[in-house]
Amino acid sequence: MEPHLIYEIIGYIASALVAVSLMMRSILRLRLLNMLGAMAFATYGLLIYAYPVALVNSTIALINIYYLRDIFTKKEFFTLLEVQPESEYLISFLNFYSEQIRQFIPLFKFEMEKRPFVFFVLRDMIPAGAFIGERYNDSTLLVDLDFVIPGFRDFKIGKYIFSENKDFFQERGIRRVCTESGNEAHERYLERMGFAPMHTDDGRRMFALSLT
């Protein structure tokens, strides 16, 4: 393959990476893809002797690296805030994000009369996630909703709930959490959080996580 064709391919890849990065709702993914795109553009600039292009994109890559370092090393404050099912804020939250919730968990339906187990996850005092579950039996919690708002979907909240904060559930007698699969993206999230697939007696596909 001719060198100029290789250079063009690098330029197209760089353009695609930058364009896709701007579509990301997650700040982490935006920064990562934008950094890769800038690095590819810098390489492209050097190969075609367009040094201003290489300089600008090298600077953009370094800026992204700086903010990525801040994302991975910044100390954040997480806490759980229990609320009553009839909370006006909860109802407003669910209504506001109803379309996005259906994308991840199409079968979700909030049933207040079941007196569900409800809390928000505050991230630096921002209500970044909502969790709703109901007791399946004395030691098992069936998760109806585990939703994180855009901009905070970097798995930190999930790890905080299921790995770092097991005591919150154990103090309430909960030793296992189960949930149904919403879609493939939801399944990948569950598997990353440590959930394992299982089937109920009536043939339903579920995911379960032991908290012991």
Protein backbone atom coordinates (compact mmCIF):
# COMPACT_ATOMS: atom_id res chain seq x y z
CA MET A 1 0.00 0.00 0.00
CA GLU A 2 1.24 3.46 -0.92
CA PRO A 3 2.38 5.63 2.02
CA HIS A 4 -0.04 8.44 1.15
CA LEU A 5 -2.96 5.96 1.38
CA ILE A 6 -1.79 4.88 4.82
CA TYR A 7 -1.61 8.52 5.88
CA GLU A 8 -5.16 9.10 4.62
CA ILE A 9 -6.45 6.10 6.54
CA ILE A 10 -4.85 7.43 9.72
CA GLY A 11 -6.51 10.79 9.08
CA TYR A 12 -9.91 9.15 8.56
CA ILE A 13 -9.52 7.08 11.73
CA ALA A 14 -8.57 10.21 13.67
CA SER A 15 -11.62 12.05 12.32
CA ALA A 16 -13.91 9.15 13.21
CA LEU A 17 -12.58 8.91 16.75
CA VAL A 18 -13.06 12.62 17.39
CA ALA A 19 -16.56 12.57 15.89
CA VAL A 20 -17.63 9.52 17.92
CA SER A 21 -16.16 10.99 21.11
CA LEU A 22 -18.51 13.96 20.83
CA MET A 23 -21.49 11.57 20.84
CA MET A 24 -20.53 10.02 24.18
CA ARG A 25 -22.68 10.85 27.18
CA SER A 26 -20.06 9.46 29.51
CA ILE A 27 -17.32 12.01 30.24
CA LEU A 28 -14.83 9.17 30.67
CA ARG A 29 -15.53 7.69 27.23
CA LEU A 30 -15.55 11.15 25.65
CA ARG A 31 -12.12 11.92 27.07
CA LEU A 32 -10.65 8.54 26.12
CA LEU A 33 -11.87 8.58 22.53
CA ASN A 34 -11.01 12.25 22.08
CA MET A 35 -7.50 11.59 23.36
CA LEU A 36 -7.04 8.69 20.93
CA GLY A 37 -8.38 10.82 18.08
CA ALA A 38 -6.04 13.68 18.95
CA MET A 39 -3.06 11.32 19.12
CA ALA A 40 -3.98 9.89 15.71
CA PHE A 41 -4.29 13.42 14.28
CA ALA A 42 -0.93 14.37 15.77
CA THR A 43 0.62 11.32 14.11
CA TYR A 44 -1.10 12.23 10.84
CA GLY A 45 0.23 15.79 11.08
CA LEU A 46 3.79 14.57 11.59
CA LEU A 47 3.58 12.14 8.68
CA ILE A 48 2.43 14.80 6.22
CA TYR A 49 4.74 17.46 7.73
CA ALA A 50 1.77 19.54 8.90
CA TYR A 51 3.45 20.56 12.13
CA PRO A 52 0.74 22.99 13.33
CA VAL A 53 -1.78 20.12 13.12
CA ALA A 54 0.59 17.85 15.07
CA LEU A 55 1.24 20.55 17.69
CA VAL A 56 -2.41 21.42 18.28
CA ASN A 57 -3.52 17.81 18.55
CA SER A 58 -0.60 16.87 20.78
CA THR A 59 -1.75 19.65 23.10
CA ILE A 60 -5.35 18.36 22.97
CA ALA A 61 -4.13 14.85 23.80
CA LEU A 62 -2.17 16.15 26.80
CA ILE A 63 -5.22 18.09 28.02
CA ASN A 64 -7.31 14.91 27.82
CA ILE A 65 -4.63 12.96 29.68
CA TYR A 66 -4.65 15.61 32.41
CA TYR A 67 -8.42 15.37 32.88
CA LEU A 68 -8.40 11.57 32.66
CA ARG A 69 -5.80 11.50 35.43
CA ASP A 70 -8.10 13.75 37.45
CA ILE A 71 -11.05 11.40 36.82
CA PHE A 72 -9.13 8.32 37.95
CA THR A 73 -7.37 9.89 40.95
CA LYS A 74 -9.94 12.39 42.23
CA LYS A 75 -11.33 11.51 45.64
CA GLU A 76 -15.11 11.50 45.42
CA PHE A 77 -17.71 11.34 48.17
CA PHE A 78 -20.39 8.66 47.88
CA THR A 79 -23.30 8.05 50.19
CA LEU A 80 -26.69 6.37 50.14
CA LEU A 81 -29.85 8.28 50.93
CA GLU A 82 -32.94 6.21 51.69
CA VAL A 83 -36.25 7.74 50.72
CA GLN A 84 -39.89 6.74 51.06
CA PRO A 85 -41.61 5.32 47.96
CA GLU A 86 -44.04 8.24 47.97
CA SER A 87 -41.20 10.80 47.84
CA GLU A 88 -42.13 13.60 45.43
CA TYR A 89 -38.52 13.90 44.33
CA LEU A 90 -38.37 10.17 43.54
CA ILE A 91 -41.52 10.38 41.43
CA SER A 92 -40.18 13.43 39.59
CA PHE A 93 -36.82 11.69 39.04
CA LEU A 94 -38.47 8.57 37.58
CA ASN A 95 -40.70 10.63 35.33
CA PHE A 96 -37.84 12.79 34.08
CA TYR A 97 -35.64 9.80 33.19
CA SER A 98 -38.47 7.45 32.19
CA GLU A 99 -37.39 7.19 28.55
CA GLN A 100 -33.78 6.35 29.42
CA ILE A 101 -34.88 3.89 32.09
CA ARG A 102 -37.00 2.03 29.51
CA GLN A 103 -33.96 1.77 27.23
CA PHE A 104 -32.03 -0.18 29.86
CA ILE A 105 -34.87 -1.88 31.75
CA PRO A 106 -37.90 -2.06 29.45
CA LEU A 107 -40.02 -4.01 31.94
CA PHE A 108 -39.52 -1.63 34.86
CA LYS A 109 -42.73 -0.51 36.53
CA PHE A 110 -42.79 1.42 39.79
CA GLU A 111 -45.36 -0.09 42.15
CA MET A 112 -45.58 2.01 45.28
CA GLU A 113 -48.07 -0.32 46.98
CA LYS A 114 -45.37 -3.00 47.29
CA ARG A 115 -43.46 -0.68 49.67
CA PRO A 116 -40.21 -1.06 47.77
CA PHE A 117 -36.73 -0.59 49.16
CA VAL A 118 -35.59 2.76 47.71
CA PHE A 119 -32.45 4.87 47.92
CA PHE A 120 -30.50 7.42 45.93
CA VAL A 121 -26.74 7.27 45.46
CA LEU A 122 -25.27 10.71 46.08
CA ARG A 123 -21.97 11.41 44.35
CA ASP A 124 -20.42 14.56 45.73
CA MET A 125 -23.96 15.27 46.98
CA ILE A 126 -25.43 14.98 43.47
CA PRO A 127 -28.26 12.39 43.19
CA ALA A 128 -26.47 10.44 40.47
CA GLY A 129 -28.28 7.13 40.77
CA ALA A 130 -31.54 5.59 41.92
CA PHE A 131 -32.01 2.08 43.30
CA ILE A 132 -35.37 0.35 43.83
CA GLY A 133 -35.86 -3.20 45.06
CA GLU A 134 -38.29 -5.41 46.92
CA ARG A 135 -37.73 -8.36 49.21
CA TYR A 136 -38.13 -11.67 47.41
CA ASN A 137 -37.71 -13.51 50.70
CA ASP A 138 -36.08 -12.82 54.06
CA SER A 139 -32.52 -12.74 52.70
CA THR A 140 -32.94 -11.94 48.99
CA LEU A 141 -33.60 -8.55 47.42
CA LEU A 142 -35.09 -8.40 43.94
CA VAL A 143 -33.71 -5.32 42.17
CA ASP A 144 -36.31 -3.54 40.05
CA LEU A 145 -34.18 -0.53 39.15
CA ASP A 146 -30.48 0.30 39.30
CA PHE A 147 -30.17 3.46 37.21
CA VAL A 148 -27.37 6.01 36.87
CA ILE A 149 -27.87 9.37 35.18
CA PRO A 150 -25.76 10.39 32.14
CA GLY A 151 -22.34 11.74 32.99
CA PHE A 152 -21.82 9.31 35.87
CA ARG A 153 -21.87 5.99 34.03
CA ASP A 154 -18.31 4.93 34.76
CA PHE A 155 -19.24 1.93 36.97
CA LYS A 156 -18.10 3.69 40.15
CA ILE A 157 -21.62 3.85 41.55
CA GLY A 158 -22.26 0.18 40.83
CA LYS A 159 -19.00 -0.78 42.53
CA TYR A 160 -19.88 1.41 45.48
CA ILE A 161 -23.29 -0.22 45.89
CA PHE A 162 -22.40 -3.86 45.37
CA SER A 163 -18.73 -4.09 46.40
CA GLU A 164 -17.86 -1.29 48.81
CA ASN A 165 -21.17 -1.01 50.60
CA LYS A 166 -22.28 -4.57 51.27
CA ASP A 167 -22.79 -3.72 54.93
CA PHE A 168 -25.74 -1.52 53.99
CA PHE A 169 -27.60 -4.59 52.74
CA GLN A 170 -26.25 -7.06 55.29
CA GLU A 171 -27.43 -4.88 58.19
CA ARG A 172 -30.92 -5.26 56.76
CA GLY A 173 -30.63 -9.03 56.54
CA ILE A 174 -30.04 -9.11 52.78
CA ARG A 175 -27.51 -11.72 51.68
CA ARG A 176 -28.25 -11.87 47.96
CA VAL A 177 -29.56 -9.53 45.27
CA CYS A 178 -31.24 -10.71 42.08
CA THR A 179 -32.49 -8.92 39.00
CA GLU A 180 -33.90 -9.61 35.58
CA SER A 181 -31.96 -8.73 32.47
CA GLY A 182 -33.11 -5.61 30.63
CA ASN A 183 -31.00 -5.87 27.47
CA GLU A 184 -27.46 -6.75 26.37
CA ALA A 185 -25.96 -3.53 27.73
CA HIS A 186 -27.63 -4.17 31.08
CA GLU A 187 -26.33 -7.75 31.11
CA ARG A 188 -22.77 -6.55 30.48
CA TYR A 189 -23.11 -4.14 33.39
CA LEU A 190 -24.43 -6.88 35.68
CA GLU A 191 -21.63 -9.26 34.76
CA ARG A 192 -19.06 -6.52 35.39
CA MET A 193 -20.58 -5.99 38.84
CA GLY A 194 -20.16 -9.70 39.62
CA PHE A 195 -23.69 -10.96 38.94
CA ALA A 196 -23.99 -14.50 37.58
CA PRO A 197 -26.76 -15.71 35.26
CA MET A 198 -29.34 -18.17 36.59
CA HIS A 199 -32.81 -19.46 35.74
CA THR A 200 -35.80 -19.50 38.05
CA ASP A 201 -38.13 -22.47 38.45
CA ASP A 202 -40.53 -20.93 35.95
CA GLY A 203 -37.75 -20.53 33.34
CA ARG A 204 -37.06 -16.81 33.72
CA ARG A 205 -33.48 -15.65 33.08
CA MET A 206 -32.15 -13.80 36.13
CA PHE A 207 -28.83 -12.55 37.46
CA ALA A 208 -27.77 -13.01 41.07
CA LEU A 209 -25.02 -11.63 43.30
CA SER A 210 -24.05 -13.01 46.71
CA LEU A 211 -23.26 -10.38 49.33
CA THR A 212 -21.67 -12.78 51.82
